Amino acid sequence: MVLVEEYKLLAELQRMFGRNKAKGSVWITMKHCTPELRKSGKSRPNRREGGCLVRCNDGKKAFSALIPLKDLPRFQSELSLIMKANMDSLRKKEKRPAAKAAAASASKKHPKKMVSE
């Protein structure tokens, strides 16, 4: 998985959606990250503050970026715009018959015996 800058991640995500428009899937995961401490007790230079790890994957290529907490609201708004723009090719689920219709068809197959007194 390639760690890239946040603007490159958004550009790659746009390309992933374009490649998988007709057929395919794109997965986006977000995970809270805390600074990692070394055994000496000092934090690593690239992870001094917490943030959000964002991963994008389409099954062929994978990209990730570490977004600092101060930039997270702006990043999420840009991500939501990209996602909304590319959600037009979603398919609707087929409606299944209601439970009543299924129960009615089951009762036709096995009718109850009438007992006369």
PDB file of N, CA and C in Angstrom:
ATOM      1  N   MET A   1       0.855  -1.161   0.000  1.00  0.00           N
ATOM      2  CA  MET A   1       0.000   0.000   0.000  1.00  0.00           C
ATOM      3  C   MET A   1       0.903   1.225   0.000  1.00  0.00           C
ATOM      4  N   VAL A   2       0.581   2.163  -0.851  1.00  0.00           N
ATOM      5  CA  VAL A   2       1.396   3.350  -1.028  1.00  0.00           C
ATOM      6  C   VAL A   2       0.850   4.469  -0.157  1.00  0.00           C
ATOM      7  N   LEU A   3       1.719   5.082   0.650  1.00  0.00           N
ATOM      8  CA  LEU A   3       1.327   6.215   1.484  1.00  0.00           C
ATOM      9  C   LEU A   3       1.585   7.485   0.689  1.00  0.00           C
ATOM     10  N   VAL A   4       0.523   8.246   0.393  1.00  0.00           N
ATOM     11  CA  VAL A   4       0.629   9.456  -0.417  1.00  0.00           C
ATOM     12  C   VAL A   4       0.082  10.650   0.357  1.00  0.00           C
ATOM     13  N   GLU A   5       0.257  11.833  -0.219  1.00  0.00           N
ATOM     14  CA  GLU A   5      -0.303  13.049   0.367  1.00  0.00           C
ATOM     15  C   GLU A   5      -1.816  13.047   0.160  1.00  0.00           C
ATOM     16  N   GLU A   6      -2.516  13.870   0.942  1.00  0.00           N
ATOM     17  CA  GLU A   6      -3.979  13.834   0.895  1.00  0.00           C
ATOM     18  C   GLU A   6      -4.541  14.299  -0.446  1.00  0.00           C
ATOM     19  N   TYR A   7      -3.945  15.287  -1.087  1.00  0.00           N
ATOM     20  CA  TYR A   7      -4.471  15.742  -2.378  1.00  0.00           C
ATOM     21  C   TYR A   7      -4.248  14.685  -3.454  1.00  0.00           C
ATOM     22  N   LYS A   8      -3.144  13.926  -3.359  1.00  0.00           N
ATOM     23  CA  LYS A   8      -2.906  12.837  -4.314  1.00  0.00           C
ATOM     24  C   LYS A   8      -3.886  11.687  -4.074  1.00  0.00           C
ATOM     25  N   LEU A   9      -4.225  11.444  -2.825  1.00  0.00           N
ATOM     26  CA  LEU A   9      -5.196  10.398  -2.502  1.00  0.00           C
ATOM     27  C   LEU A   9      -6.552  10.727  -3.113  1.00  0.00           C
ATOM     28  N   LEU A  10      -6.970  11.986  -3.020  1.00  0.00           N
ATOM     29  CA  LEU A  10      -8.259  12.384  -3.600  1.00  0.00           C
ATOM     30  C   LEU A  10      -8.244  12.244  -5.120  1.00  0.00           C
ATOM     31  N   ALA A  11      -7.114  12.596  -5.750  1.00  0.00           N
ATOM     32  CA  ALA A  11      -7.001  12.455  -7.202  1.00  0.00           C
ATOM     33  C   ALA A  11      -7.028  10.979  -7.607  1.00  0.00           C
ATOM     34  N   GLU A  12      -6.321  10.138  -6.877  1.00  0.00           N
ATOM     35  CA  GLU A  12      -6.320   8.698  -7.178  1.00  0.00           C
ATOM     36  C   GLU A  12      -7.691   8.085  -6.934  1.00  0.00           C
ATOM     37  N   LEU A  13      -8.375   8.556  -5.911  1.00  0.00           N
ATOM     38  CA  LEU A  13      -9.719   8.051  -5.631  1.00  0.00           C
ATOM     39  C   LEU A  13     -10.666   8.396  -6.777  1.00  0.00           C
ATOM     40  N   GLN A  14     -10.537   9.601  -7.313  1.00  0.00           N
ATOM     41  CA  GLN A  14     -11.359  10.005  -8.462  1.00  0.00           C
ATOM     42  C   GLN A  14     -11.072   9.090  -9.656  1.00  0.00           C
ATOM     43  N   ARG A  15      -9.799   8.768  -9.878  1.00  0.00           N
ATOM     44  CA  ARG A  15      -9.443   7.858 -10.975  1.00  0.00           C
ATOM     45  C   ARG A  15      -9.984   6.449 -10.732  1.00  0.00           C
ATOM     46  N   MET A  16      -9.931   5.991  -9.488  1.00  0.00           N
ATOM     47  CA  MET A  16     -10.467   4.660  -9.160  1.00  0.00           C
ATOM     48  C   MET A  16     -11.951   4.587  -9.463  1.00  0.00           C
ATOM     49  N   PHE A  17     -12.685   5.622  -9.074  1.00  0.00           N
ATOM     50  CA  PHE A  17     -14.118   5.642  -9.368  1.00  0.00           C
ATOM     51  C   PHE A  17     -14.355   5.635 -10.873  1.00  0.00           C
ATOM     52  N   GLY A  18     -13.539   6.344 -11.624  1.00  0.00           N
ATOM     53  CA  GLY A  18     -13.679   6.366 -13.082  1.00  0.00           C
ATOM     54  C   GLY A  18     -13.424   5.008 -13.705  1.00  0.00           C
ATOM     55  N   ARG A  19     -12.390   4.307 -13.228  1.00  0.00           N
ATOM     56  CA  ARG A  19     -12.061   2.980 -13.773  1.00  0.00           C
ATOM     57  C   ARG A  19     -13.129   1.953 -13.448  1.00  0.00           C
ATOM     58  N   ASN A  20     -13.772   2.089 -12.315  1.00  0.00           N
ATOM     59  CA  ASN A  20     -14.733   1.088 -11.860  1.00  0.00           C
ATOM     60  C   ASN A  20     -16.173   1.546 -12.024  1.00  0.00           C
ATOM     61  N   LYS A  21     -16.413   2.496 -12.895  1.00  0.00           N
ATOM     62  CA  LYS A  21     -17.756   3.054 -13.059  1.00  0.00           C
ATOM     63  C   LYS A  21     -18.731   1.998 -13.594  1.00  0.00           C
ATOM     64  N   ALA A  22     -18.347   1.303 -14.662  1.00  0.00           N
ATOM     65  CA  ALA A  22     -19.250   0.333 -15.279  1.00  0.00           C
ATOM     66  C   ALA A  22     -19.371  -0.928 -14.433  1.00  0.00           C
ATOM     67  N   LYS A  23     -18.251  -1.432 -13.963  1.00  0.00           N
ATOM     68  CA  LYS A  23     -18.283  -2.662 -13.186  1.00  0.00           C
ATOM     69  C   LYS A  23     -17.094  -2.667 -12.243  1.00  0.00           C
ATOM     70  N   GLY A  24     -17.362  -2.899 -10.995  1.00  0.00           N
ATOM     71  CA  GLY A  24     -16.284  -2.952 -10.019  1.00  0.00           C
ATOM     72  C   GLY A  24     -16.683  -2.265  -8.725  1.00  0.00           C
ATOM     73  N   SER A  25     -15.785  -2.296  -7.758  1.00  0.00           N
ATOM     74  CA  SER A  25     -16.045  -1.720  -6.444  1.00  0.00           C
ATOM     75  C   SER A  25     -14.842  -0.916  -5.987  1.00  0.00           C
ATOM     76  N   VAL A  26     -15.110   0.043  -5.127  1.00  0.00           N
ATOM     77  CA  VAL A  26     -14.057   0.830  -4.494  1.00  0.00           C
ATOM     78  C   VAL A  26     -14.343   0.815  -3.002  1.00  0.00           C
ATOM     79  N   TRP A  27     -13.338   0.463  -2.212  1.00  0.00           N
ATOM     80  CA  TRP A  27     -13.479   0.434  -0.763  1.00  0.00           C
ATOM     81  C   TRP A  27     -12.699   1.588  -0.159  1.00  0.00           C
ATOM     82  N   ILE A  28     -13.321   2.271   0.781  1.00  0.00           N
ATOM     83  CA  ILE A  28     -12.683   3.361   1.501  1.00  0.00           C
ATOM     84  C   ILE A  28     -12.814   3.053   2.983  1.00  0.00           C
ATOM     85  N   THR A  29     -11.691   3.056   3.682  1.00  0.00           N
ATOM     86  CA  THR A  29     -11.719   2.832   5.120  1.00  0.00           C
ATOM     87  C   THR A  29     -11.014   3.985   5.812  1.00  0.00           C
ATOM     88  N   MET A  30     -11.532   4.323   6.979  1.00  0.00           N
ATOM     89  CA  MET A  30     -10.936   5.391   7.781  1.00  0.00           C
ATOM     90  C   MET A  30     -10.683   4.822   9.175  1.00  0.00           C
ATOM     91  N   LYS A  31      -9.503   5.120   9.712  1.00  0.00           N
ATOM     92  CA  LYS A  31      -9.122   4.576  11.005  1.00  0.00           C
ATOM     93  C   LYS A  31      -8.419   5.662  11.809  1.00  0.00           C
ATOM     94  N   HIS A  32      -8.821   5.801  13.067  1.00  0.00           N
ATOM     95  CA  HIS A  32      -8.183   6.770  13.944  1.00  0.00           C
ATOM     96  C   HIS A  32      -6.772   6.301  14.282  1.00  0.00           C
ATOM     97  N   CYS A  33      -5.804   7.189  14.181  1.00  0.00           N
ATOM     98  CA  CYS A  33      -4.423   6.851  14.485  1.00  0.00           C
ATOM     99  C   CYS A  33      -3.917   7.720  15.616  1.00  0.00           C
ATOM    100  N   THR A  34      -3.204   7.104  16.512  1.00  0.00           N
ATOM    101  CA  THR A  34      -2.552   7.827  17.591  1.00  0.00           C
ATOM    102  C   THR A  34      -1.053   7.803  17.332  1.00  0.00           C
ATOM    103  N   PRO A  35      -0.323   8.745  17.888  1.00  0.00           N
ATOM    104  CA  PRO A  35       1.132   8.745  17.662  1.00  0.00           C
ATOM    105  C   PRO A  35       1.777   7.484  18.213  1.00  0.00           C
ATOM    106  N   GLU A  36       2.675   6.907  17.439  1.00  0.00           N
ATOM    107  CA  GLU A  36       3.390   5.724  17.889  1.00  0.00           C
ATOM    108  C   GLU A  36       4.602   6.158  18.700  1.00  0.00           C
ATOM    109  N   LEU A  37       4.836   5.480  19.774  1.00  0.00           N
ATOM    110  CA  LEU A  37       5.995   5.774  20.598  1.00  0.00           C
ATOM    111  C   LEU A  37       7.059   4.705  20.382  1.00  0.00           C
ATOM    112  N   ARG A  38       8.289   5.157  20.332  1.00  0.00           N
ATOM    113  CA  ARG A  38       9.393   4.211  20.243  1.00  0.00           C
ATOM    114  C   ARG A  38       9.672   3.662  21.632  1.00  0.00           C
ATOM    115  N   LYS A  39      10.555   2.719  21.701  1.00  0.00           N
ATOM    116  CA  LYS A  39      10.920   2.162  23.003  1.00  0.00           C
ATOM    117  C   LYS A  39      11.572   3.216  23.885  1.00  0.00           C
ATOM    118  N   SER A  40      12.197   4.211  23.244  1.00  0.00           N
ATOM    119  CA  SER A  40      12.851   5.262  24.016  1.00  0.00           C
ATOM    120  C   SER A  40      11.837   6.252  24.595  1.00  0.00           C
ATOM    121  N   GLY A  41      10.586   6.195  24.165  1.00  0.00           N
ATOM    122  CA  GLY A  41       9.550   7.082  24.681  1.00  0.00           C
ATOM    123  C   GLY A  41       9.304   8.292  23.803  1.00  0.00           C
ATOM    124  N   LYS A  42      10.076   8.438  22.734  1.00  0.00           N
ATOM    125  CA  LYS A  42       9.884   9.565  21.822  1.00  0.00           C
ATOM    126  C   LYS A  42       8.993   9.123  20.671  1.00  0.00           C
ATOM    127  N   SER A  43       8.202  10.052  20.154  1.00  0.00           N
ATOM    128  CA  SER A  43       7.335   9.714  19.032  1.00  0.00           C
ATOM    129  C   SER A  43       8.116   9.797  17.728  1.00  0.00           C
ATOM    130  N   ARG A  44       7.645   9.106  16.748  1.00  0.00           N
ATOM    131  CA  ARG A  44       8.290   9.136  15.439  1.00  0.00           C
ATOM    132  C   ARG A  44       8.061  10.493  14.801  1.00  0.00           C
ATOM    133  N   PRO A  45       8.989  10.977  13.988  1.00  0.00           N
ATOM    134  CA  PRO A  45       8.860  12.328  13.445  1.00  0.00           C
ATOM    135  C   PRO A  45       7.639  12.532  12.550  1.00  0.00           C
ATOM    136  N   ASN A  46       7.221  11.523  11.802  1.00  0.00           N
ATOM    137  CA  ASN A  46       6.091  11.705  10.900  1.00  0.00           C
ATOM    138  C   ASN A  46       4.745  11.493  11.593  1.00  0.00           C
ATOM    139  N   ARG A  47       4.743  11.078  12.845  1.00  0.00           N
ATOM    140  CA  ARG A  47       3.484  10.851  13.560  1.00  0.00           C
ATOM    141  C   ARG A  47       3.513  11.534  14.924  1.00  0.00           C
ATOM    142  N   ARG A  48       3.768  12.815  14.929  1.00  0.00           N
ATOM    143  CA  ARG A  48       3.821  13.538  16.197  1.00  0.00           C
ATOM    144  C   ARG A  48       2.435  13.810  16.751  1.00  0.00           C
ATOM    145  N   GLU A  49       1.467  13.964  15.884  1.00  0.00           N
ATOM    146  CA  GLU A  49       0.106  14.188  16.350  1.00  0.00           C
ATOM    147  C   GLU A  49      -0.799  13.101  15.792  1.00  0.00           C
ATOM    148  N   GLY A  50      -1.921  12.935  16.409  1.00  0.00           N
ATOM    149  CA  GLY A  50      -2.864  11.926  15.946  1.00  0.00           C
ATOM    150  C   GLY A  50      -3.500  12.357  14.641  1.00  0.00           C
ATOM    151  N   GLY A  51      -4.233  11.470  14.066  1.00  0.00           N
ATOM    152  CA  GLY A  51      -4.889  11.784  12.815  1.00  0.00           C
ATOM    153  C   GLY A  51      -5.798  10.653  12.385  1.00  0.00           C
ATOM    154  N   CYS A  52      -6.052  10.626  11.108  1.00  0.00           N
ATOM    155  CA  CYS A  52      -6.934   9.632  10.533  1.00  0.00           C
ATOM    156  C   CYS A  52      -6.225   8.983   9.354  1.00  0.00           C
ATOM    157  N   LEU A  53      -6.145   7.673   9.373  1.00  0.00           N
ATOM    158  CA  LEU A  53      -5.559   6.934   8.274  1.00  0.00           C
ATOM    159  C   LEU A  53      -6.685   6.575   7.317  1.00  0.00           C
ATOM    160  N   VAL A  54      -6.569   7.026   6.072  1.00  0.00           N
ATOM    161  CA  VAL A  54      -7.589   6.772   5.055  1.00  0.00           C
ATOM    162  C   VAL A  54      -6.988   5.838   4.022  1.00  0.00           C
ATOM    163  N   ARG A  55      -7.683   4.739   3.762  1.00  0.00           N
ATOM    164  CA  ARG A  55      -7.230   3.755   2.776  1.00  0.00           C
ATOM    165  C   ARG A  55      -8.258   3.660   1.660  1.00  0.00           C
ATOM    166  N   CYS A  56      -7.774   3.603   0.425  1.00  0.00           N
ATOM    167  CA  CYS A  56      -8.634   3.427  -0.756  1.00  0.00           C
ATOM    168  C   CYS A  56      -8.116   2.223  -1.527  1.00  0.00           C
ATOM    169  N   ASN A  57      -9.035   1.353  -1.936  1.00  0.00           N
ATOM    170  CA  ASN A  57      -8.651   0.116  -2.587  1.00  0.00           C
ATOM    171  C   ASN A  57      -9.718  -0.257  -3.601  1.00  0.00           C
ATOM    172  N   ASP A  58      -9.284  -0.704  -4.778  1.00  0.00           N
ATOM    173  CA  ASP A  58     -10.248  -1.197  -5.766  1.00  0.00           C
ATOM    174  C   ASP A  58      -9.971  -2.642  -6.149  1.00  0.00           C
ATOM    175  N   GLY A  59      -9.140  -3.322  -5.397  1.00  0.00           N
ATOM    176  CA  GLY A  59      -8.810  -4.709  -5.690  1.00  0.00           C
ATOM    177  C   GLY A  59      -7.542  -4.836  -6.508  1.00  0.00           C
ATOM    178  N   LYS A  60      -7.153  -3.788  -7.219  1.00  0.00           N
ATOM    179  CA  LYS A  60      -5.937  -3.809  -8.025  1.00  0.00           C
ATOM    180  C   LYS A  60      -4.887  -2.863  -7.453  1.00  0.00           C
ATOM    181  N   LYS A  61      -5.318  -1.664  -7.122  1.00  0.00           N
ATOM    182  CA  LYS A  61      -4.408  -0.664  -6.572  1.00  0.00           C
ATOM    183  C   LYS A  61      -4.916  -0.230  -5.201  1.00  0.00           C
ATOM    184  N   ALA A  62      -3.971   0.138  -4.345  1.00  0.00           N
ATOM    185  CA  ALA A  62      -4.332   0.592  -3.012  1.00  0.00           C
ATOM    186  C   ALA A  62      -3.493   1.812  -2.658  1.00  0.00           C
ATOM    187  N   PHE A  63      -4.139   2.805  -2.068  1.00  0.00           N
ATOM    188  CA  PHE A  63      -3.464   4.015  -1.643  1.00  0.00           C
ATOM    189  C   PHE A  63      -3.927   4.355  -0.239  1.00  0.00           C
ATOM    190  N   SER A  64      -3.064   5.024   0.501  1.00  0.00           N
ATOM    191  CA  SER A  64      -3.448   5.457   1.835  1.00  0.00           C
ATOM    192  C   SER A  64      -2.803   6.802   2.119  1.00  0.00           C
ATOM    193  N   ALA A  65      -3.399   7.520   3.068  1.00  0.00           N
ATOM    194  CA  ALA A  65      -2.873   8.825   3.486  1.00  0.00           C
ATOM    195  C   ALA A  65      -3.156   9.001   4.966  1.00  0.00           C
ATOM    196  N   LEU A  66      -2.259   9.683   5.639  1.00  0.00           N
ATOM    197  CA  LEU A  66      -2.432  10.016   7.036  1.00  0.00           C
ATOM    198  C   LEU A  66      -2.848  11.481   7.107  1.00  0.00           C
ATOM    199  N   ILE A  67      -4.094  11.732   7.506  1.00  0.00           N
ATOM    200  CA  ILE A  67      -4.652  13.081   7.538  1.00  0.00           C
ATOM    201  C   ILE A  67      -4.537  13.616   8.963  1.00  0.00           C
ATOM    202  N   PRO A  68      -3.872  14.752   9.168  1.00  0.00           N
ATOM    203  CA  PRO A  68      -3.804  15.334  10.516  1.00  0.00           C
ATOM    204  C   PRO A  68      -5.181  15.777  10.990  1.00  0.00           C
ATOM    205  N   LEU A  69      -5.370  15.810  12.294  1.00  0.00           N
ATOM    206  CA  LEU A  69      -6.676  16.171  12.857  1.00  0.00           C
ATOM    207  C   LEU A  69      -7.123  17.569  12.458  1.00  0.00           C
ATOM    208  N   LYS A  70      -6.188  18.499  12.319  1.00  0.00           N
ATOM    209  CA  LYS A  70      -6.577  19.871  11.969  1.00  0.00           C
ATOM    210  C   LYS A  70      -7.106  19.975  10.540  1.00  0.00           C
ATOM    211  N   ASP A  71      -6.704  19.068   9.649  1.00  0.00           N
ATOM    212  CA  ASP A  71      -7.162  19.098   8.253  1.00  0.00           C
ATOM    213  C   ASP A  71      -8.314  18.147   7.982  1.00  0.00           C
ATOM    214  N   LEU A  72      -8.734  17.410   8.975  1.00  0.00           N
ATOM    215  CA  LEU A  72      -9.740  16.369   8.768  1.00  0.00           C
ATOM    216  C   LEU A  72     -11.101  16.894   8.303  1.00  0.00           C
ATOM    217  N   PRO A  73     -11.657  17.984   8.870  1.00  0.00           N
ATOM    218  CA  PRO A  73     -12.963  18.457   8.375  1.00  0.00           C
ATOM    219  C   PRO A  73     -12.938  18.869   6.902  1.00  0.00           C
ATOM    220  N   ARG A  74     -11.869  19.521   6.487  1.00  0.00           N
ATOM    221  CA  ARG A  74     -11.753  19.930   5.081  1.00  0.00           C
ATOM    222  C   ARG A  74     -11.627  18.698   4.185  1.00  0.00           C
ATOM    223  N   PHE A  75     -10.830  17.730   4.609  1.00  0.00           N
ATOM    224  CA  PHE A  75     -10.653  16.510   3.824  1.00  0.00           C
ATOM    225  C   PHE A  75     -11.963  15.746   3.694  1.00  0.00           C
ATOM    226  N   GLN A  76     -12.709  15.643   4.791  1.00  0.00           N
ATOM    227  CA  GLN A  76     -13.973  14.907   4.755  1.00  0.00           C
ATOM    228  C   GLN A  76     -14.987  15.587   3.839  1.00  0.00           C
ATOM    229  N   SER A  77     -14.994  16.911   3.798  1.00  0.00           N
ATOM    230  CA  SER A  77     -15.924  17.596   2.896  1.00  0.00           C
ATOM    231  C   SER A  77     -15.538  17.353   1.442  1.00  0.00           C
ATOM    232  N   GLU A  78     -14.233  17.356   1.133  1.00  0.00           N
ATOM    233  CA  GLU A  78     -13.794  17.068  -0.233  1.00  0.00           C
ATOM    234  C   GLU A  78     -14.072  15.617  -0.607  1.00  0.00           C
ATOM    235  N   LEU A  79     -13.877  14.718   0.337  1.00  0.00           N
ATOM    236  CA  LEU A  79     -14.158  13.297   0.097  1.00  0.00           C
ATOM    237  C   LEU A  79     -15.646  13.071  -0.153  1.00  0.00           C
ATOM    238  N   SER A  80     -16.496  13.758   0.604  1.00  0.00           N
ATOM    239  CA  SER A  80     -17.941  13.587   0.410  1.00  0.00           C
ATOM    240  C   SER A  80     -18.382  14.108  -0.948  1.00  0.00           C
ATOM    241  N   LEU A  81     -17.767  15.181  -1.442  1.00  0.00           N
ATOM    242  CA  LEU A  81     -18.097  15.686  -2.772  1.00  0.00           C
ATOM    243  C   LEU A  81     -17.729  14.668  -3.847  1.00  0.00           C
ATOM    244  N   ILE A  82     -16.562  14.056  -3.716  1.00  0.00           N
ATOM    245  CA  ILE A  82     -16.136  13.044  -4.691  1.00  0.00           C
ATOM    246  C   ILE A  82     -17.065  11.838  -4.643  1.00  0.00           C
ATOM    247  N   MET A  83     -17.424  11.409  -3.447  1.00  0.00           N
ATOM    248  CA  MET A  83     -18.297  10.243  -3.321  1.00  0.00           C
ATOM    249  C   MET A  83     -19.691  10.526  -3.874  1.00  0.00           C
ATOM    250  N   LYS A  84     -20.241  11.701  -3.590  1.00  0.00           N
ATOM    251  CA  LYS A  84     -21.566  12.049  -4.106  1.00  0.00           C
ATOM    252  C   LYS A  84     -21.572  12.125  -5.624  1.00  0.00           C
ATOM    253  N   ALA A  85     -20.489  12.629  -6.198  1.00  0.00           N
ATOM    254  CA  ALA A  85     -20.406  12.754  -7.652  1.00  0.00           C
ATOM    255  C   ALA A  85     -20.338  11.395  -8.337  1.00  0.00           C
ATOM    256  N   ASN A  86     -19.835  10.385  -7.652  1.00  0.00           N
ATOM    257  CA  ASN A  86     -19.646   9.070  -8.268  1.00  0.00           C
ATOM    258  C   ASN A  86     -20.631   8.022  -7.798  1.00  0.00           C
ATOM    259  N   MET A  87     -21.663   8.402  -7.104  1.00  0.00           N
ATOM    260  CA  MET A  87     -22.647   7.436  -6.624  1.00  0.00           C
ATOM    261  C   MET A  87     -23.826   7.288  -7.575  1.00  0.00           C
ATOM    262  N   ASP A  88     -23.732   7.798  -8.784  1.00  0.00           N
ATOM    263  CA  ASP A  88     -24.858   7.744  -9.700  1.00  0.00           C
ATOM    264  C   ASP A  88     -25.000   6.395 -10.390  1.00  0.00           C
ATOM    265  N   SER A  89     -23.998   5.552 -10.346  1.00  0.00           N
ATOM    266  CA  SER A  89     -24.099   4.268 -11.034  1.00  0.00           C
ATOM    267  C   SER A  89     -24.461   3.118 -10.095  1.00  0.00           C
ATOM    268  N   LEU A  90     -24.975   3.434  -8.935  1.00  0.00           N
ATOM    269  CA  LEU A  90     -25.401   2.383  -8.005  1.00  0.00           C
ATOM    270  C   LEU A  90     -26.670   1.719  -8.516  1.00  0.00           C
ATOM    271  N   ARG A  91     -26.767   0.426  -8.313  1.00  0.00           N
ATOM    272  CA  ARG A  91     -27.956  -0.311  -8.722  1.00  0.00           C
ATOM    273  C   ARG A  91     -28.901  -0.437  -7.545  1.00  0.00           C
ATOM    274  N   LYS A  92     -30.190  -0.392  -7.836  1.00  0.00           N
ATOM    275  CA  LYS A  92     -31.182  -0.589  -6.790  1.00  0.00           C
ATOM    276  C   LYS A  92     -31.341  -2.075  -6.522  1.00  0.00           C
ATOM    277  N   LYS A  93     -31.603  -2.401  -5.283  1.00  0.00           N
ATOM    278  CA  LYS A  93     -31.834  -3.791  -4.923  1.00  0.00           C
ATOM    279  C   LYS A  93     -33.193  -4.232  -5.435  1.00  0.00           C
ATOM    280  N   GLU A  94     -33.276  -5.500  -5.817  1.00  0.00           N
ATOM    281  CA  GLU A  94     -34.553  -6.048  -6.255  1.00  0.00           C
ATOM    282  C   GLU A  94     -35.434  -6.256  -5.038  1.00  0.00           C
ATOM    283  N   LYS A  95     -36.680  -5.855  -5.174  1.00  0.00           N
ATOM    284  CA  LYS A  95     -37.605  -6.017  -4.058  1.00  0.00           C
ATOM    285  C   LYS A  95     -38.073  -7.463  -4.007  1.00  0.00           C
ATOM    286  N   ARG A  96     -38.053  -8.005  -2.818  1.00  0.00           N
ATOM    287  CA  ARG A  96     -38.533  -9.369  -2.615  1.00  0.00           C
ATOM    288  C   ARG A  96     -39.972  -9.287  -2.145  1.00  0.00           C
ATOM    289  N   PRO A  97     -40.739 -10.351  -2.361  1.00  0.00           N
ATOM    290  CA  PRO A  97     -42.124 -10.320  -1.909  1.00  0.00           C
ATOM    291  C   PRO A  97     -42.195 -10.151  -0.391  1.00  0.00           C
ATOM    292  N   ALA A  98     -43.236  -9.510   0.026  1.00  0.00           N
ATOM    293  CA  ALA A  98     -43.419  -9.257   1.461  1.00  0.00           C
ATOM    294  C   ALA A  98     -43.637 -10.569   2.204  1.00  0.00           C
ATOM    295  N   ALA A  99     -43.514 -10.521   3.491  1.00  0.00           N
ATOM    296  CA  ALA A  99     -43.660 -11.723   4.313  1.00  0.00           C
ATOM    297  C   ALA A  99     -45.075 -12.285   4.214  1.00  0.00           C
ATOM    298  N   LYS A 100     -46.044 -11.396   4.067  1.00  0.00           N
ATOM    299  CA  LYS A 100     -47.432 -11.861   3.955  1.00  0.00           C
ATOM    300  C   LYS A 100     -47.640 -12.657   2.684  1.00  0.00           C
ATOM    301  N   ALA A 101     -47.073 -12.185   1.590  1.00  0.00           N
ATOM    302  CA  ALA A 101     -47.228 -12.903   0.328  1.00  0.00           C
ATOM    303  C   ALA A 101     -46.539 -14.261   0.406  1.00  0.00           C
ATOM    304  N   ALA A 102     -45.416 -14.312   1.071  1.00  0.00           N
ATOM    305  CA  ALA A 102     -44.709 -15.581   1.232  1.00  0.00           C
ATOM    306  C   ALA A 102     -45.509 -16.531   2.117  1.00  0.00           C
ATOM    307  N   ALA A 103     -46.123 -16.002   3.161  1.00  0.00           N
ATOM    308  CA  ALA A 103     -46.931 -16.837   4.052  1.00  0.00           C
ATOM    309  C   ALA A 103     -48.183 -17.332   3.335  1.00  0.00           C
ATOM    310  N   ALA A 104     -48.776 -16.489   2.501  1.00  0.00           N
ATOM    311  CA  ALA A 104     -49.970 -16.890   1.768  1.00  0.00           C
ATOM    312  C   ALA A 104     -49.653 -18.001   0.773  1.00  0.00           C
ATOM    313  N   SER A 105     -48.512 -17.884   0.104  1.00  0.00           N
ATOM    314  CA  SER A 105     -48.154 -18.937  -0.846  1.00  0.00           C
ATOM    315  C   SER A 105     -47.818 -20.235  -0.115  1.00  0.00           C
ATOM    316  N   ALA A 106     -47.275 -20.137   1.077  1.00  0.00           N
ATOM    317  CA  ALA A 106     -46.969 -21.335   1.861  1.00  0.00           C
ATOM    318  C   ALA A 106     -48.251 -22.021   2.312  1.00  0.00           C
ATOM    319  N   SER A 107     -49.285 -21.242   2.655  1.00  0.00           N
ATOM    320  CA  SER A 107     -50.535 -21.844   3.108  1.00  0.00           C
ATOM    321  C   SER A 107     -51.290 -22.491   1.947  1.00  0.00           C
ATOM    322  N   LYS A 108     -51.095 -22.012   0.736  1.00  0.00           N
ATOM    323  CA  LYS A 108     -51.732 -22.631  -0.427  1.00  0.00           C
ATOM    324  C   LYS A 108     -51.107 -23.993  -0.714  1.00  0.00           C
ATOM    325  N   LYS A 109     -49.825 -24.118  -0.434  1.00  0.00           N
ATOM    326  CA  LYS A 109     -49.155 -25.384  -0.685  1.00  0.00           C
ATOM    327  C   LYS A 109     -49.580 -26.447   0.320  1.00  0.00           C
ATOM    328  N   HIS A 110     -49.783 -26.021   1.549  1.00  0.00           N
ATOM    329  CA  HIS A 110     -50.157 -26.948   2.608  1.00  0.00           C
ATOM    330  C   HIS A 110     -51.439 -26.456   3.276  1.00  0.00           C
ATOM    331  N   PRO A 111     -52.587 -26.737   2.681  1.00  0.00           N
ATOM    332  CA  PRO A 111     -53.824 -26.243   3.289  1.00  0.00           C
ATOM    333  C   PRO A 111     -54.112 -26.969   4.606  1.00  0.00           C
ATOM    334  N   LYS A 112     -54.722 -26.233   5.484  1.00  0.00           N
ATOM    335  CA  LYS A 112     -55.075 -26.799   6.786  1.00  0.00           C
ATOM    336  C   LYS A 112     -56.297 -27.686   6.615  1.00  0.00           C
ATOM    337  N   LYS A 113     -56.318 -28.777   7.334  1.00  0.00           N
ATOM    338  CA  LYS A 113     -57.450 -29.694   7.275  1.00  0.00           C
ATOM    339  C   LYS A 113     -58.560 -29.156   8.171  1.00  0.00           C
ATOM    340  N   MET A 114     -59.752 -29.159   7.644  1.00  0.00           N
ATOM    341  CA  MET A 114     -60.889 -28.693   8.415  1.00  0.00           C
ATOM    342  C   MET A 114     -61.483 -29.894   9.151  1.00  0.00           C
ATOM    343  N   VAL A 115     -61.692 -29.733  10.397  1.00  0.00           N
ATOM    344  CA  VAL A 115     -62.287 -30.777  11.213  1.00  0.00           C
ATOM    345  C   VAL A 115     -63.701 -30.345  11.530  1.00  0.00           C
ATOM    346  N   SER A 116     -64.649 -31.148  11.152  1.00  0.00           N
ATOM    347  CA  SER A 116     -66.048 -30.810  11.465  1.00  0.00           C
ATOM    348  C   SER A 116     -66.488 -31.565  12.701  1.00  0.00           C
ATOM    349  N   GLU A 117     -67.235 -30.885  13.503  1.00  0.00           N
ATOM    350  CA  GLU A 117     -67.691 -31.503  14.737  1.00  0.00           C
ATOM    351  C   GLU A 117     -69.124 -31.885  14.671  1.00  0.00           C
TER     352      GLU A 117
END
